[in-house]
Amino acid sequence: MSPWSEFLDWLRSGPGQLVGTSLNTDTDYQSATYAPPTFLLVGNEARGLPEDYEEACDMLVKMPMMGKADSLNAAVATAVMAYEVLNQRRK
């Protein structure tokens, strides 16, 4: 596992869009346009992404929730995000 700073250095050395999920945005995950290659950051259910991770993202997106649930399991959220990114590439 690499430290965060090493990952960012690697990511910024080539093409890539860093997309984070966050409640601190109004951008719906389905209305965003994902540029390849897309790297996804998903925080944990209770605290989300750390502030410095959000600041490093090229874009933050939100997954709106229906009903009483206020978040998805992180693994499920990642799967939904990955599906949306891949679905856009099929068009």
PDB file of N, CA and C in Angstrom:
ATOM      1  N   MET A   1       0.843  -1.176   0.000  1.00  0.00           N
ATOM      2  CA  MET A   1       0.000   0.000   0.000  1.00  0.00           C
ATOM      3  C   MET A   1       0.888   1.239   0.000  1.00  0.00           C
ATOM      4  N   SER A   2       0.575   2.198  -0.851  1.00  0.00           N
ATOM      5  CA  SER A   2       1.352   3.424  -0.963  1.00  0.00           C
ATOM      6  C   SER A   2       0.721   4.534  -0.137  1.00  0.00           C
ATOM      7  N   PRO A   3       1.547   5.441   0.362  1.00  0.00           N
ATOM      8  CA  PRO A   3       0.992   6.619   1.038  1.00  0.00           C
ATOM      9  C   PRO A   3       0.188   7.472   0.048  1.00  0.00           C
ATOM     10  N   TRP A   4      -0.754   8.230   0.566  1.00  0.00           N
ATOM     11  CA  TRP A   4      -1.626   9.074  -0.240  1.00  0.00           C
ATOM     12  C   TRP A   4      -0.826   9.984  -1.168  1.00  0.00           C
ATOM     13  N   SER A   5       0.221  10.617  -0.660  1.00  0.00           N
ATOM     14  CA  SER A   5       1.006  11.548  -1.479  1.00  0.00           C
ATOM     15  C   SER A   5       1.667  10.837  -2.660  1.00  0.00           C
ATOM     16  N   GLU A   6       2.129   9.619  -2.463  1.00  0.00           N
ATOM     17  CA  GLU A   6       2.737   8.860  -3.565  1.00  0.00           C
ATOM     18  C   GLU A   6       1.697   8.493  -4.611  1.00  0.00           C
ATOM     19  N   PHE A   7       0.506   8.130  -4.163  1.00  0.00           N
ATOM     20  CA  PHE A   7      -0.567   7.828  -5.106  1.00  0.00           C
ATOM     21  C   PHE A   7      -0.903   9.058  -5.942  1.00  0.00           C
ATOM     22  N   LEU A   8      -1.040  10.217  -5.287  1.00  0.00           N
ATOM     23  CA  LEU A   8      -1.368  11.437  -6.026  1.00  0.00           C
ATOM     24  C   LEU A   8      -0.276  11.799  -7.019  1.00  0.00           C
ATOM     25  N   ASP A   9       0.988  11.663  -6.626  1.00  0.00           N
ATOM     26  CA  ASP A   9       2.091  11.928  -7.553  1.00  0.00           C
ATOM     27  C   ASP A   9       1.993  11.019  -8.776  1.00  0.00           C
ATOM     28  N   TRP A  10       1.734   9.734  -8.544  1.00  0.00           N
ATOM     29  CA  TRP A  10       1.588   8.788  -9.649  1.00  0.00           C
ATOM     30  C   TRP A  10       0.402   9.163 -10.536  1.00  0.00           C
ATOM     31  N   LEU A  11      -0.742   9.445  -9.907  1.00  0.00           N
ATOM     32  CA  LEU A  11      -1.946   9.779 -10.669  1.00  0.00           C
ATOM     33  C   LEU A  11      -1.735  11.022 -11.520  1.00  0.00           C
ATOM     34  N   ARG A  12      -1.142  12.036 -10.970  1.00  0.00           N
ATOM     35  CA  ARG A  12      -0.964  13.306 -11.675  1.00  0.00           C
ATOM     36  C   ARG A  12       0.150  13.248 -12.721  1.00  0.00           C
ATOM     37  N   SER A  13       0.924  12.165 -12.742  1.00  0.00           N
ATOM     38  CA  SER A  13       1.993  12.044 -13.736  1.00  0.00           C
ATOM     39  C   SER A  13       1.475  11.589 -15.101  1.00  0.00           C
ATOM     40  N   GLY A  14       0.210  11.254 -15.172  1.00  0.00           N
ATOM     41  CA  GLY A  14      -0.375  10.805 -16.431  1.00  0.00           C
ATOM     42  C   GLY A  14      -1.822  11.238 -16.510  1.00  0.00           C
ATOM     43  N   PRO A  15      -2.531  10.740 -17.525  1.00  0.00           N
ATOM     44  CA  PRO A  15      -3.945  11.104 -17.648  1.00  0.00           C
ATOM     45  C   PRO A  15      -4.764  10.419 -16.556  1.00  0.00           C
ATOM     46  N   GLY A  16      -5.830  11.041 -16.187  1.00  0.00           N
ATOM     47  CA  GLY A  16      -6.709  10.426 -15.207  1.00  0.00           C
ATOM     48  C   GLY A  16      -7.546  11.455 -14.486  1.00  0.00           C
ATOM     49  N   GLN A  17      -8.769  11.083 -14.210  1.00  0.00           N
ATOM     50  CA  GLN A  17      -9.711  11.926 -13.494  1.00  0.00           C
ATOM     51  C   GLN A  17      -9.992  11.264 -12.151  1.00  0.00           C
ATOM     52  N   LEU A  18      -9.768  11.998 -11.070  1.00  0.00           N
ATOM     53  CA  LEU A  18     -10.019  11.487  -9.727  1.00  0.00           C
ATOM     54  C   LEU A  18     -11.392  11.982  -9.287  1.00  0.00           C
ATOM     55  N   VAL A  19     -12.306  11.038  -9.071  1.00  0.00           N
ATOM     56  CA  VAL A  19     -13.691  11.350  -8.721  1.00  0.00           C
ATOM     57  C   VAL A  19     -13.976  10.808  -7.329  1.00  0.00           C
ATOM     58  N   GLY A  20     -14.449  11.682  -6.456  1.00  0.00           N
ATOM     59  CA  GLY A  20     -14.802  11.273  -5.099  1.00  0.00           C
ATOM     60  C   GLY A  20     -16.297  11.375  -4.869  1.00  0.00           C
ATOM     61  N   THR A  21     -16.809  10.482  -4.036  1.00  0.00           N
ATOM     62  CA  THR A  21     -18.210  10.576  -3.634  1.00  0.00           C
ATOM     63  C   THR A  21     -18.267  11.421  -2.364  1.00  0.00           C
ATOM     64  N   SER A  22     -19.261  12.304  -2.297  1.00  0.00           N
ATOM     65  CA  SER A  22     -19.316  13.239  -1.176  1.00  0.00           C
ATOM     66  C   SER A  22     -20.715  13.808  -1.018  1.00  0.00           C
ATOM     67  N   LEU A  23     -21.045  14.157   0.205  1.00  0.00           N
ATOM     68  CA  LEU A  23     -22.281  14.897   0.459  1.00  0.00           C
ATOM     69  C   LEU A  23     -22.055  16.392   0.279  1.00  0.00           C
ATOM     70  N   ASN A  24     -20.806  16.799   0.071  1.00  0.00           N
ATOM     71  CA  ASN A  24     -20.440  18.216  -0.037  1.00  0.00           C
ATOM     72  C   ASN A  24     -20.468  18.709  -1.480  1.00  0.00           C
ATOM     73  N   THR A  25     -21.427  18.251  -2.248  1.00  0.00           N
ATOM     74  CA  THR A  25     -21.580  18.673  -3.641  1.00  0.00           C
ATOM     75  C   THR A  25     -23.038  18.539  -4.045  1.00  0.00           C
ATOM     76  N   ASP A  26     -23.394  19.244  -5.105  1.00  0.00           N
ATOM     77  CA  ASP A  26     -24.737  19.112  -5.670  1.00  0.00           C
ATOM     78  C   ASP A  26     -24.716  18.322  -6.971  1.00  0.00           C
ATOM     79  N   THR A  27     -23.550  17.846  -7.392  1.00  0.00           N
ATOM     80  CA  THR A  27     -23.427  17.127  -8.661  1.00  0.00           C
ATOM     81  C   THR A  27     -23.901  15.685  -8.516  1.00  0.00           C
ATOM     82  N   ASP A  28     -24.986  15.361  -9.192  1.00  0.00           N
ATOM     83  CA  ASP A  28     -25.514  14.003  -9.174  1.00  0.00           C
ATOM     84  C   ASP A  28     -24.576  13.080  -9.951  1.00  0.00           C
ATOM     85  N   TYR A  29     -24.324  11.900  -9.424  1.00  0.00           N
ATOM     86  CA  TYR A  29     -23.381  10.975 -10.050  1.00  0.00           C
ATOM     87  C   TYR A  29     -23.792  10.570 -11.467  1.00  0.00           C
ATOM     88  N   GLN A  30     -25.075  10.630 -11.793  1.00  0.00           N
ATOM     89  CA  GLN A  30     -25.522  10.262 -13.133  1.00  0.00           C
ATOM     90  C   GLN A  30     -25.465  11.425 -14.114  1.00  0.00           C
ATOM     91  N   SER A  31     -25.373  12.641 -13.626  1.00  0.00           N
ATOM     92  CA  SER A  31     -25.297  13.788 -14.532  1.00  0.00           C
ATOM     93  C   SER A  31     -23.852  14.180 -14.838  1.00  0.00           C
ATOM     94  N   ALA A  32     -22.903  13.646 -14.105  1.00  0.00           N
ATOM     95  CA  ALA A  32     -21.489  13.958 -14.319  1.00  0.00           C
ATOM     96  C   ALA A  32     -20.970  13.235 -15.556  1.00  0.00           C
ATOM     97  N   THR A  33     -19.938  13.804 -16.168  1.00  0.00           N
ATOM     98  CA  THR A  33     -19.260  13.165 -17.294  1.00  0.00           C
ATOM     99  C   THR A  33     -17.901  12.685 -16.804  1.00  0.00           C
ATOM    100  N   TYR A  34     -17.637  11.404 -16.980  1.00  0.00           N
ATOM    101  CA  TYR A  34     -16.410  10.795 -16.473  1.00  0.00           C
ATOM    102  C   TYR A  34     -15.411  10.623 -17.618  1.00  0.00           C
ATOM    103  N   ALA A  35     -14.244  11.225 -17.432  1.00  0.00           N
ATOM    104  CA  ALA A  35     -13.194  11.155 -18.451  1.00  0.00           C
ATOM    105  C   ALA A  35     -12.277   9.971 -18.159  1.00  0.00           C
ATOM    106  N   PRO A  36     -11.953   9.196 -19.177  1.00  0.00           N
ATOM    107  CA  PRO A  36     -11.059   8.059 -18.951  1.00  0.00           C
ATOM    108  C   PRO A  36      -9.600   8.492 -18.848  1.00  0.00           C
ATOM    109  N   PRO A  37      -8.824   7.804 -18.081  1.00  0.00           N
ATOM    110  CA  PRO A  37      -9.227   6.805 -17.094  1.00  0.00           C
ATOM    111  C   PRO A  37      -9.792   7.483 -15.854  1.00  0.00           C
ATOM    112  N   THR A  38     -10.781   6.871 -15.260  1.00  0.00           N
ATOM    113  CA  THR A  38     -11.449   7.406 -14.075  1.00  0.00           C
ATOM    114  C   THR A  38     -11.023   6.607 -12.849  1.00  0.00           C
ATOM    115  N   PHE A  39     -10.613   7.328 -11.828  1.00  0.00           N
ATOM    116  CA  PHE A  39     -10.238   6.719 -10.553  1.00  0.00           C
ATOM    117  C   PHE A  39     -11.275   7.148  -9.524  1.00  0.00           C
ATOM    118  N   LEU A  40     -11.862   6.181  -8.829  1.00  0.00           N
ATOM    119  CA  LEU A  40     -12.937   6.455  -7.872  1.00  0.00           C
ATOM    120  C   LEU A  40     -12.430   6.408  -6.440  1.00  0.00           C
ATOM    121  N   LEU A  41     -12.848   7.394  -5.648  1.00  0.00           N
ATOM    122  CA  LEU A  41     -12.587   7.410  -4.210  1.00  0.00           C
ATOM    123  C   LEU A  41     -13.927   7.382  -3.497  1.00  0.00           C
ATOM    124  N   VAL A  42     -14.106   6.417  -2.626  1.00  0.00           N
ATOM    125  CA  VAL A  42     -15.343   6.290  -1.856  1.00  0.00           C
ATOM    126  C   VAL A  42     -14.966   6.193  -0.390  1.00  0.00           C
ATOM    127  N   GLY A  43     -15.524   7.078   0.423  1.00  0.00           N
ATOM    128  CA  GLY A  43     -15.240   7.059   1.856  1.00  0.00           C
ATOM    129  C   GLY A  43     -16.095   6.036   2.581  1.00  0.00           C
ATOM    130  N   ASN A  44     -15.875   5.958   3.882  1.00  0.00           N
ATOM    131  CA  ASN A  44     -16.684   5.009   4.655  1.00  0.00           C
ATOM    132  C   ASN A  44     -18.075   5.592   4.917  1.00  0.00           C
ATOM    133  N   GLU A  45     -18.969   4.739   5.364  1.00  0.00           N
ATOM    134  CA  GLU A  45     -20.367   5.116   5.518  1.00  0.00           C
ATOM    135  C   GLU A  45     -20.573   6.203   6.568  1.00  0.00           C
ATOM    136  N   ALA A  46     -19.796   6.189   7.631  1.00  0.00           N
ATOM    137  CA  ALA A  46     -20.022   7.117   8.740  1.00  0.00           C
ATOM    138  C   ALA A  46     -19.398   8.491   8.507  1.00  0.00           C
ATOM    139  N   ARG A  47     -18.191   8.529   7.947  1.00  0.00           N
ATOM    140  CA  ARG A  47     -17.470   9.801   7.859  1.00  0.00           C
ATOM    141  C   ARG A  47     -17.208  10.280   6.433  1.00  0.00           C
ATOM    142  N   GLY A  48     -17.394   9.448   5.441  1.00  0.00           N
ATOM    143  CA  GLY A  48     -17.107   9.845   4.068  1.00  0.00           C
ATOM    144  C   GLY A  48     -15.608   9.975   3.842  1.00  0.00           C
ATOM    145  N   LEU A  49     -15.229  10.784   2.869  1.00  0.00           N
ATOM    146  CA  LEU A  49     -13.816  10.986   2.547  1.00  0.00           C
ATOM    147  C   LEU A  49     -13.220  12.043   3.469  1.00  0.00           C
ATOM    148  N   PRO A  50     -11.941  11.885   3.816  1.00  0.00           N
ATOM    149  CA  PRO A  50     -11.264  12.958   4.553  1.00  0.00           C
ATOM    150  C   PRO A  50     -11.220  14.227   3.702  1.00  0.00           C
ATOM    151  N   GLU A  51     -11.168  15.390   4.344  1.00  0.00           N
ATOM    152  CA  GLU A  51     -11.201  16.668   3.639  1.00  0.00           C
ATOM    153  C   GLU A  51     -10.077  16.801   2.615  1.00  0.00           C
ATOM    154  N   ASP A  52      -8.864  16.366   2.960  1.00  0.00           N
ATOM    155  CA  ASP A  52      -7.755  16.502   2.012  1.00  0.00           C
ATOM    156  C   ASP A  52      -7.940  15.596   0.795  1.00  0.00           C
ATOM    157  N   TYR A  53      -8.613  14.476   0.948  1.00  0.00           N
ATOM    158  CA  TYR A  53      -8.917  13.620  -0.195  1.00  0.00           C
ATOM    159  C   TYR A  53      -9.920  14.313  -1.124  1.00  0.00           C
ATOM    160  N   GLU A  54     -10.961  14.914  -0.522  1.00  0.00           N
ATOM    161  CA  GLU A  54     -11.950  15.629  -1.331  1.00  0.00           C
ATOM    162  C   GLU A  54     -11.293  16.771  -2.100  1.00  0.00           C
ATOM    163  N   GLU A  55     -10.406  17.504  -1.445  1.00  0.00           N
ATOM    164  CA  GLU A  55      -9.735  18.637  -2.092  1.00  0.00           C
ATOM    165  C   GLU A  55      -8.872  18.194  -3.263  1.00  0.00           C
ATOM    166  N   ALA A  56      -8.348  16.989  -3.215  1.00  0.00           N
ATOM    167  CA  ALA A  56      -7.491  16.477  -4.288  1.00  0.00           C
ATOM    168  C   ALA A  56      -8.288  15.982  -5.488  1.00  0.00           C
ATOM    169  N   CYS A  57      -9.587  15.776  -5.322  1.00  0.00           N
ATOM    170  CA  CYS A  57     -10.413  15.236  -6.407  1.00  0.00           C
ATOM    171  C   CYS A  57     -10.638  16.272  -7.505  1.00  0.00           C
ATOM    172  N   ASP A  58     -10.701  15.784  -8.729  1.00  0.00           N
ATOM    173  CA  ASP A  58     -11.053  16.631  -9.858  1.00  0.00           C
ATOM    174  C   ASP A  58     -12.541  16.935  -9.860  1.00  0.00           C
ATOM    175  N   MET A  59     -13.322  16.023  -9.298  1.00  0.00           N
ATOM    176  CA  MET A  59     -14.771  16.196  -9.257  1.00  0.00           C
ATOM    177  C   MET A  59     -15.320  15.409  -8.072  1.00  0.00           C
ATOM    178  N   LEU A  60     -16.328  15.988  -7.424  1.00  0.00           N
ATOM    179  CA  LEU A  60     -17.068  15.294  -6.375  1.00  0.00           C
ATOM    180  C   LEU A  60     -18.481  15.057  -6.890  1.00  0.00           C
ATOM    181  N   VAL A  61     -19.012  13.879  -6.598  1.00  0.00           N
ATOM    182  CA  VAL A  61     -20.379  13.543  -7.000  1.00  0.00           C
ATOM    183  C   VAL A  61     -21.138  12.995  -5.803  1.00  0.00           C
ATOM    184  N   LYS A  62     -22.445  13.124  -5.882  1.00  0.00           N
ATOM    185  CA  LYS A  62     -23.323  12.663  -4.804  1.00  0.00           C
ATOM    186  C   LYS A  62     -24.265  11.610  -5.343  1.00  0.00           C
ATOM    187  N   MET A  63     -24.525  10.612  -4.520  1.00  0.00           N
ATOM    188  CA  MET A  63     -25.510   9.587  -4.862  1.00  0.00           C
ATOM    189  C   MET A  63     -26.741   9.835  -3.975  1.00  0.00           C
ATOM    190  N   PRO A  64     -27.801  10.395  -4.543  1.00  0.00           N
ATOM    191  CA  PRO A  64     -28.978  10.703  -3.729  1.00  0.00           C
ATOM    192  C   PRO A  64     -29.625   9.436  -3.175  1.00  0.00           C
ATOM    193  N   MET A  65     -30.118   9.551  -1.972  1.00  0.00           N
ATOM    194  CA  MET A  65     -30.741   8.411  -1.303  1.00  0.00           C
ATOM    195  C   MET A  65     -32.246   8.635  -1.202  1.00  0.00           C
ATOM    196  N   MET A  66     -32.993   7.553  -1.316  1.00  0.00           N
ATOM    197  CA  MET A  66     -34.442   7.592  -1.166  1.00  0.00           C
ATOM    198  C   MET A  66     -34.793   6.910   0.156  1.00  0.00           C
ATOM    199  N   GLY A  67     -35.881   7.296   0.742  1.00  0.00           N
ATOM    200  CA  GLY A  67     -36.315   6.656   1.970  1.00  0.00           C
ATOM    201  C   GLY A  67     -35.534   7.141   3.181  1.00  0.00           C
ATOM    202  N   LYS A  68     -35.378   6.273   4.162  1.00  0.00           N
ATOM    203  CA  LYS A  68     -34.773   6.656   5.437  1.00  0.00           C
ATOM    204  C   LYS A  68     -33.269   6.422   5.491  1.00  0.00           C
ATOM    205  N   ALA A  69     -32.734   5.673   4.571  1.00  0.00           N
ATOM    206  CA  ALA A  69     -31.291   5.404   4.576  1.00  0.00           C
ATOM    207  C   ALA A  69     -30.538   6.678   4.208  1.00  0.00           C
ATOM    208  N   ASP A  70     -29.423   6.929   4.895  1.00  0.00           N
ATOM    209  CA  ASP A  70     -28.650   8.131   4.572  1.00  0.00           C
ATOM    210  C   ASP A  70     -27.357   7.813   3.833  1.00  0.00           C
ATOM    211  N   SER A  71     -27.040   6.512   3.677  1.00  0.00           N
ATOM    212  CA  SER A  71     -25.846   6.150   2.921  1.00  0.00           C
ATOM    213  C   SER A  71     -25.935   4.698   2.477  1.00  0.00           C
ATOM    214  N   LEU A  72     -25.107   4.375   1.491  1.00  0.00           N
ATOM    215  CA  LEU A  72     -24.951   2.995   1.050  1.00  0.00           C
ATOM    216  C   LEU A  72     -23.708   2.407   1.694  1.00  0.00           C
ATOM    217  N   ASN A  73     -23.662   1.116   1.791  1.00  0.00           N
ATOM    218  CA  ASN A  73     -22.432   0.432   2.150  1.00  0.00           C
ATOM    219  C   ASN A  73     -21.366   0.863   1.154  1.00  0.00           C
ATOM    220  N   ALA A  74     -20.123   1.064   1.609  1.00  0.00           N
ATOM    221  CA  ALA A  74     -19.057   1.566   0.740  1.00  0.00           C
ATOM    222  C   ALA A  74     -18.829   0.652  -0.467  1.00  0.00           C
ATOM    223  N   ALA A  75     -18.895  -0.642  -0.281  1.00  0.00           N
ATOM    224  CA  ALA A  75     -18.689  -1.574  -1.390  1.00  0.00           C
ATOM    225  C   ALA A  75     -19.813  -1.445  -2.420  1.00  0.00           C
ATOM    226  N   VAL A  76     -21.033  -1.287  -1.957  1.00  0.00           N
ATOM    227  CA  VAL A  76     -22.167  -1.126  -2.859  1.00  0.00           C
ATOM    228  C   VAL A  76     -22.058   0.207  -3.598  1.00  0.00           C
ATOM    229  N   ALA A  77     -21.700   1.267  -2.886  1.00  0.00           N
ATOM    230  CA  ALA A  77     -21.538   2.581  -3.514  1.00  0.00           C
ATOM    231  C   ALA A  77     -20.462   2.532  -4.597  1.00  0.00           C
ATOM    232  N   THR A  78     -19.373   1.843  -4.329  1.00  0.00           N
ATOM    233  CA  THR A  78     -18.299   1.716  -5.318  1.00  0.00           C
ATOM    234  C   THR A  78     -18.788   0.964  -6.548  1.00  0.00           C
ATOM    235  N   ALA A  79     -19.551  -0.096  -6.338  1.00  0.00           N
ATOM    236  CA  ALA A  79     -20.081  -0.869  -7.460  1.00  0.00           C
ATOM    237  C   ALA A  79     -21.039  -0.026  -8.304  1.00  0.00           C
ATOM    238  N   VAL A  80     -21.898   0.754  -7.669  1.00  0.00           N
ATOM    239  CA  VAL A  80     -22.829   1.607  -8.402  1.00  0.00           C
ATOM    240  C   VAL A  80     -22.059   2.651  -9.210  1.00  0.00           C
ATOM    241  N   MET A  81     -21.050   3.255  -8.594  1.00  0.00           N
ATOM    242  CA  MET A  81     -20.230   4.253  -9.296  1.00  0.00           C
ATOM    243  C   MET A  81     -19.500   3.624 -10.481  1.00  0.00           C
ATOM    244  N   ALA A  82     -18.895   2.471 -10.274  1.00  0.00           N
ATOM    245  CA  ALA A  82     -18.162   1.802 -11.359  1.00  0.00           C
ATOM    246  C   ALA A  82     -19.111   1.467 -12.508  1.00  0.00           C
ATOM    247  N   TYR A  83     -20.313   1.026 -12.189  1.00  0.00           N
ATOM    248  CA  TYR A  83     -21.289   0.724 -13.235  1.00  0.00           C
ATOM    249  C   TYR A  83     -21.633   1.976 -14.036  1.00  0.00           C
ATOM    250  N   GLU A  84     -21.835   3.104 -13.363  1.00  0.00           N
ATOM    251  CA  GLU A  84     -22.172   4.340 -14.068  1.00  0.00           C
ATOM    252  C   GLU A  84     -21.032   4.780 -14.980  1.00  0.00           C
ATOM    253  N   VAL A  85     -19.794   4.694 -14.503  1.00  0.00           N
ATOM    254  CA  VAL A  85     -18.637   5.057 -15.328  1.00  0.00           C
ATOM    255  C   VAL A  85     -18.588   4.165 -16.564  1.00  0.00           C
ATOM    256  N   LEU A  86     -18.710   2.874 -16.375  1.00  0.00           N
ATOM    257  CA  LEU A  86     -18.657   1.931 -17.515  1.00  0.00           C
ATOM    258  C   LEU A  86     -19.864   2.107 -18.434  1.00  0.00           C
ATOM    259  N   ASN A  87     -21.022   2.381 -17.874  1.00  0.00           N
ATOM    260  CA  ASN A  87     -22.218   2.581 -18.687  1.00  0.00           C
ATOM    261  C   ASN A  87     -22.049   3.779 -19.625  1.00  0.00           C
ATOM    262  N   GLN A  88     -21.434   4.859 -19.140  1.00  0.00           N
ATOM    263  CA  GLN A  88     -21.198   6.019 -20.000  1.00  0.00           C
ATOM    264  C   GLN A  88     -20.250   5.676 -21.149  1.00  0.00           C
ATOM    265  N   ARG A  89     -19.318   4.779 -20.919  1.00  0.00           N
ATOM    266  CA  ARG A  89     -18.352   4.426 -21.947  1.00  0.00           C
ATOM    267  C   ARG A  89     -18.976   3.553 -23.045  1.00  0.00           C
ATOM    268  N   ARG A  90     -20.100   2.904 -22.738  1.00  0.00           N
ATOM    269  CA  ARG A  90     -20.772   2.053 -23.731  1.00  0.00           C
ATOM    270  C   ARG A  90     -21.526   2.872 -24.758  1.00  0.00           C
ATOM    271  N   LYS A  91     -21.826   4.129 -24.436  1.00  0.00           N
ATOM    272  CA  LYS A  91     -22.653   4.965 -25.321  1.00  0.00           C
ATOM    273  C   LYS A  91     -21.857   5.462 -26.487  1.00  0.00           C
TER     274      LYS A  91
END
